[in-house]
Every structure is written in C-alpha cells, then in structure tokens.
Amino acid sequence: MKKMFSLLFIMAMTLMLGGCRLVRIEEEERKPVTYTVVRTGELPEEAETIVEEKKAGKFQMTYQSGNDLYLIRGYGKQMSGGYSIQVKELSESSTAVFFETKLIGPAPEEQSGEPSYPYIAVKIKYRDNPVNFQ
C-alpha cells in the first residue's frame, strides 16, 4: 500500500511539473525598434473590432497581420476627452520586445464633458518574441 501511494505521488508531481513552463526574460542591451503609430480606422478590421470590445477597461494586446505586428494599449474609460499617449520605450532584446507608454491627461481647459477611451496602436515588423508591456 505504501509503494502504491509513493508511485501515485511521484506520478502526480511529474504531471504537475511537466505541464508548467517558465519563460525567462534576461536583462541585456536593448535596441530601439522602428515603429509607426496607427490611427483609428487604420487597424485591420478584426483588431479594430477587438479594441472596440475591450476599450471600456484597461487592456494590452498584440495582433499579427502578415509581416506586421500591432502592439495596442488601452487606458479604459476616461471622464473627458483631450488625453494623449506617449511612447516612452519600444525596444527589443534577443528574448523580448519591450513596449512602455504613458497616458497624459488634458489641461483643465481642454476637458470636455464626453467620456473618451484613449488607446494607442503601433505597427512594427513581426517578431516571434514575447511582448513585455510596461
């Protein structure tokens, strides 16, 4: 009975550990990535639909179309318009792409009564590495 319990325990641990995968992103020198900011209406139709569905909350996503990779970051519902988004960093290492943005609020005189859903979409050449949104 003790042998059977030990065997079951070992099998259970093997299955649990075998199903886990850890991706390690090493810190190394990052190189800037050339990108294009994509305007509203210029995203592929399917990506535009997904953004429309997610825009009420904060989100981040990637979308591949052919040789292009779109990096999209949304900041959710804001109580007024006039927001802008700054790309602070878009770089890559041999293991990952790093995308950092910053939401910049409107000046008090630029605030309108209409809510807005600011997001930014940038297009880069397709890369097979994971994207680290910061």
C-alpha atoms as a PDB file:
ATOM      1  CA  MET A   1       0.000   0.000   0.000  1.00  0.00           C
ATOM      2  CA  LYS A   2       2.851   2.346   0.861  1.00  0.00           C
ATOM      3  CA  LYS A   3       4.526   1.643  -2.514  1.00  0.00           C
ATOM      4  CA  MET A   4       1.295   2.427  -4.356  1.00  0.00           C
ATOM      5  CA  PHE A   5       0.911   5.756  -2.545  1.00  0.00           C
ATOM      6  CA  SER A   6       4.543   6.651  -3.339  1.00  0.00           C
ATOM      7  CA  LEU A   7       4.062   5.744  -7.001  1.00  0.00           C
ATOM      8  CA  LEU A   8       0.880   7.844  -7.247  1.00  0.00           C
ATOM      9  CA  PHE A   9       2.610  10.767  -5.544  1.00  0.00           C
ATOM     10  CA  ILE A  10       5.555  10.634  -7.973  1.00  0.00           C
ATOM     11  CA  MET A  11       3.212  10.405 -10.985  1.00  0.00           C
ATOM     12  CA  ALA A  12       1.158  13.367  -9.750  1.00  0.00           C
ATOM     13  CA  MET A  13       4.272  15.505  -9.213  1.00  0.00           C
ATOM     14  CA  THR A  14       5.631  14.573 -12.649  1.00  0.00           C
ATOM     15  CA  LEU A  15       2.381  15.606 -14.314  1.00  0.00           C
ATOM     16  CA  MET A  16       2.188  18.882 -12.393  1.00  0.00           C
ATOM     17  CA  LEU A  17       5.780  19.865 -13.084  1.00  0.00           C
ATOM     18  CA  GLY A  18       5.690  18.693 -16.687  1.00  0.00           C
ATOM     19  CA  GLY A  19       2.771  20.990 -17.508  1.00  0.00           C
ATOM     20  CA  CYS A  20       4.456  24.163 -16.236  1.00  0.00           C
ATOM     21  CA  ARG A  21       6.620  26.327 -18.426  1.00  0.00           C
ATOM     22  CA  LEU A  22       8.680  29.285 -17.307  1.00  0.00           C
ATOM     23  CA  VAL A  23       9.814  31.880 -19.824  1.00  0.00           C
ATOM     24  CA  ARG A  24      12.798  33.786 -18.569  1.00  0.00           C
ATOM     25  CA  ILE A  25      13.495  37.233 -19.971  1.00  0.00           C
ATOM     26  CA  GLU A  26      17.141  38.049 -19.424  1.00  0.00           C
ATOM     27  CA  GLU A  27      18.244  41.633 -18.958  1.00  0.00           C
ATOM     28  CA  GLU A  28      20.590  42.586 -21.722  1.00  0.00           C
ATOM     29  CA  GLU A  29      21.182  45.513 -24.025  1.00  0.00           C
ATOM     30  CA  ARG A  30      18.005  46.683 -25.724  1.00  0.00           C
ATOM     31  CA  LYS A  31      17.915  48.075 -29.245  1.00  0.00           C
ATOM     32  CA  PRO A  32      15.305  50.625 -30.384  1.00  0.00           C
ATOM     33  CA  VAL A  33      12.570  49.281 -32.675  1.00  0.00           C
ATOM     34  CA  THR A  34      11.291  51.303 -35.625  1.00  0.00           C
ATOM     35  CA  TYR A  35       7.527  51.739 -35.427  1.00  0.00           C
ATOM     36  CA  THR A  36       4.580  53.587 -36.935  1.00  0.00           C
ATOM     37  CA  VAL A  37       1.686  54.938 -34.871  1.00  0.00           C
ATOM     38  CA  VAL A  38      -1.542  53.622 -36.394  1.00  0.00           C
ATOM     39  CA  ARG A  39      -4.513  55.980 -36.484  1.00  0.00           C
ATOM     40  CA  THR A  40      -8.045  54.990 -35.562  1.00  0.00           C
ATOM     41  CA  GLY A  41      -9.637  53.316 -38.570  1.00  0.00           C
ATOM     42  CA  GLU A  42      -6.293  52.133 -39.994  1.00  0.00           C
ATOM     43  CA  LEU A  43      -6.070  48.952 -37.904  1.00  0.00           C
ATOM     44  CA  PRO A  44      -7.033  45.664 -39.536  1.00  0.00           C
ATOM     45  CA  GLU A  45     -10.802  45.192 -39.216  1.00  0.00           C
ATOM     46  CA  GLU A  46     -10.568  42.266 -36.787  1.00  0.00           C
ATOM     47  CA  ALA A  47      -8.155  44.170 -34.492  1.00  0.00           C
ATOM     48  CA  GLU A  48     -10.451  47.210 -34.607  1.00  0.00           C
ATOM     49  CA  THR A  49     -13.365  45.001 -33.502  1.00  0.00           C
ATOM     50  CA  ILE A  50     -11.382  43.595 -30.575  1.00  0.00           C
ATOM     51  CA  VAL A  51     -10.333  47.093 -29.469  1.00  0.00           C
ATOM     52  CA  GLU A  52     -13.968  48.213 -29.615  1.00  0.00           C
ATOM     53  CA  GLU A  53     -14.972  45.293 -27.368  1.00  0.00           C
ATOM     54  CA  LYS A  54     -12.201  45.936 -24.820  1.00  0.00           C
ATOM     55  CA  LYS A  55     -11.997  49.745 -24.798  1.00  0.00           C
ATOM     56  CA  ALA A  56     -14.091  50.313 -21.650  1.00  0.00           C
ATOM     57  CA  GLY A  57     -11.368  48.752 -19.471  1.00  0.00           C
ATOM     58  CA  LYS A  58      -7.596  48.861 -19.477  1.00  0.00           C
ATOM     59  CA  PHE A  59      -6.095  46.370 -21.925  1.00  0.00           C
ATOM     60  CA  GLN A  60      -2.964  45.419 -23.818  1.00  0.00           C
ATOM     61  CA  MET A  61      -2.765  43.154 -26.810  1.00  0.00           C
ATOM     62  CA  THR A  62      -0.795  42.169 -29.862  1.00  0.00           C
ATOM     63  CA  TYR A  63      -2.259  41.425 -33.269  1.00  0.00           C
ATOM     64  CA  GLN A  64      -0.408  39.879 -36.200  1.00  0.00           C
ATOM     65  CA  SER A  65      -1.359  40.567 -39.795  1.00  0.00           C
ATOM     66  CA  GLY A  66       1.026  39.165 -42.398  1.00  0.00           C
ATOM     67  CA  ASN A  67       4.513  40.512 -41.676  1.00  0.00           C
ATOM     68  CA  ASP A  68       3.177  43.229 -39.363  1.00  0.00           C
ATOM     69  CA  LEU A  69       2.715  43.082 -35.607  1.00  0.00           C
ATOM     70  CA  TYR A  70       0.426  45.583 -33.917  1.00  0.00           C
ATOM     71  CA  LEU A  71       1.033  46.473 -30.272  1.00  0.00           C
ATOM     72  CA  ILE A  72      -2.082  48.015 -28.745  1.00  0.00           C
ATOM     73  CA  ARG A  73      -2.513  49.506 -25.272  1.00  0.00           C
ATOM     74  CA  GLY A  74      -5.791  50.935 -23.997  1.00  0.00           C
ATOM     75  CA  TYR A  75      -6.340  53.001 -20.873  1.00  0.00           C
ATOM     76  CA  GLY A  76     -10.057  52.397 -20.402  1.00  0.00           C
ATOM     77  CA  LYS A  77     -12.855  54.884 -19.939  1.00  0.00           C
ATOM     78  CA  GLN A  78     -11.756  58.408 -19.028  1.00  0.00           C
ATOM     79  CA  MET A  79     -14.263  61.010 -17.884  1.00  0.00           C
ATOM     80  CA  SER A  80     -13.294  63.548 -20.557  1.00  0.00           C
ATOM     81  CA  GLY A  81     -11.517  63.899 -23.867  1.00  0.00           C
ATOM     82  CA  GLY A  82      -8.166  65.550 -24.553  1.00  0.00           C
ATOM     83  CA  TYR A  83      -5.896  62.698 -23.464  1.00  0.00           C
ATOM     84  CA  SER A  84      -2.758  61.759 -25.343  1.00  0.00           C
ATOM     85  CA  ILE A  85      -0.456  58.762 -25.082  1.00  0.00           C
ATOM     86  CA  GLN A  86       3.316  58.919 -25.264  1.00  0.00           C
ATOM     87  CA  VAL A  87       5.527  56.003 -26.336  1.00  0.00           C
ATOM     88  CA  LYS A  88       8.263  56.059 -23.706  1.00  0.00           C
ATOM     89  CA  GLU A  89      10.106  52.990 -24.995  1.00  0.00           C
ATOM     90  CA  LEU A  90       9.808  50.492 -27.809  1.00  0.00           C
ATOM     91  CA  SER A  91      12.870  48.301 -27.885  1.00  0.00           C
ATOM     92  CA  GLU A  92      13.947  44.695 -28.152  1.00  0.00           C
ATOM     93  CA  SER A  93      16.485  42.257 -26.837  1.00  0.00           C
ATOM     94  CA  SER A  94      17.167  38.773 -28.139  1.00  0.00           C
ATOM     95  CA  THR A  95      14.405  37.418 -25.868  1.00  0.00           C
ATOM     96  CA  ALA A  96      11.600  40.029 -25.850  1.00  0.00           C
ATOM     97  CA  VAL A  97      10.064  43.232 -27.172  1.00  0.00           C
ATOM     98  CA  PHE A  98       9.529  45.997 -24.591  1.00  0.00           C
ATOM     99  CA  PHE A  99       6.660  48.474 -25.008  1.00  0.00           C
ATOM    100  CA  GLU A 100       6.191  51.269 -22.466  1.00  0.00           C
ATOM    101  CA  THR A 101       3.614  54.023 -22.804  1.00  0.00           C
ATOM    102  CA  LYS A 102       2.328  56.867 -20.657  1.00  0.00           C
ATOM    103  CA  LEU A 103      -1.160  58.372 -20.523  1.00  0.00           C
ATOM    104  CA  ILE A 104      -1.045  62.161 -20.438  1.00  0.00           C
ATOM    105  CA  GLY A 105      -4.115  63.929 -19.107  1.00  0.00           C
ATOM    106  CA  PRO A 106      -5.673  67.006 -20.652  1.00  0.00           C
ATOM    107  CA  ALA A 107      -5.187  70.515 -19.341  1.00  0.00           C
ATOM    108  CA  PRO A 108      -8.200  71.632 -17.274  1.00  0.00           C
ATOM    109  CA  GLU A 109      -9.391  73.947 -20.056  1.00  0.00           C
ATOM    110  CA  GLU A 110      -9.260  71.069 -22.592  1.00  0.00           C
ATOM    111  CA  GLN A 111     -11.507  68.739 -20.598  1.00  0.00           C
ATOM    112  CA  SER A 112     -14.862  68.073 -22.206  1.00  0.00           C
ATOM    113  CA  GLY A 113     -17.969  66.508 -20.708  1.00  0.00           C
ATOM    114  CA  GLU A 114     -17.860  63.500 -23.044  1.00  0.00           C
ATOM    115  CA  PRO A 115     -16.068  60.341 -21.876  1.00  0.00           C
ATOM    116  CA  SER A 116     -13.228  59.033 -24.017  1.00  0.00           C
ATOM    117  CA  TYR A 117     -11.450  55.703 -24.426  1.00  0.00           C
ATOM    118  CA  PRO A 118      -7.807  56.523 -25.225  1.00  0.00           C
ATOM    119  CA  TYR A 119      -5.619  53.825 -26.734  1.00  0.00           C
ATOM    120  CA  ILE A 120      -2.507  53.666 -28.843  1.00  0.00           C
ATOM    121  CA  ALA A 121      -1.655  51.214 -31.596  1.00  0.00           C
ATOM    122  CA  VAL A 122       1.785  50.929 -33.144  1.00  0.00           C
ATOM    123  CA  LYS A 123       2.889  48.751 -36.039  1.00  0.00           C
ATOM    124  CA  ILE A 124       6.256  47.011 -36.183  1.00  0.00           C
ATOM    125  CA  LYS A 125       7.697  44.223 -38.296  1.00  0.00           C
ATOM    126  CA  TYR A 126       6.641  40.808 -36.975  1.00  0.00           C
ATOM    127  CA  ARG A 127       8.881  39.308 -34.313  1.00  0.00           C
ATOM    128  CA  ASP A 128       8.495  35.889 -32.723  1.00  0.00           C
ATOM    129  CA  ASN A 129       9.494  37.098 -29.232  1.00  0.00           C
ATOM    130  CA  PRO A 130       7.007  37.829 -26.436  1.00  0.00           C
ATOM    131  CA  VAL A 131       5.977  41.453 -25.826  1.00  0.00           C
ATOM    132  CA  ASN A 132       6.527  42.921 -22.378  1.00  0.00           C
ATOM    133  CA  PHE A 133       4.024  45.766 -21.819  1.00  0.00           C
ATOM    134  CA  GLN A 134       5.213  48.213 -19.167  1.00  0.00           C
END
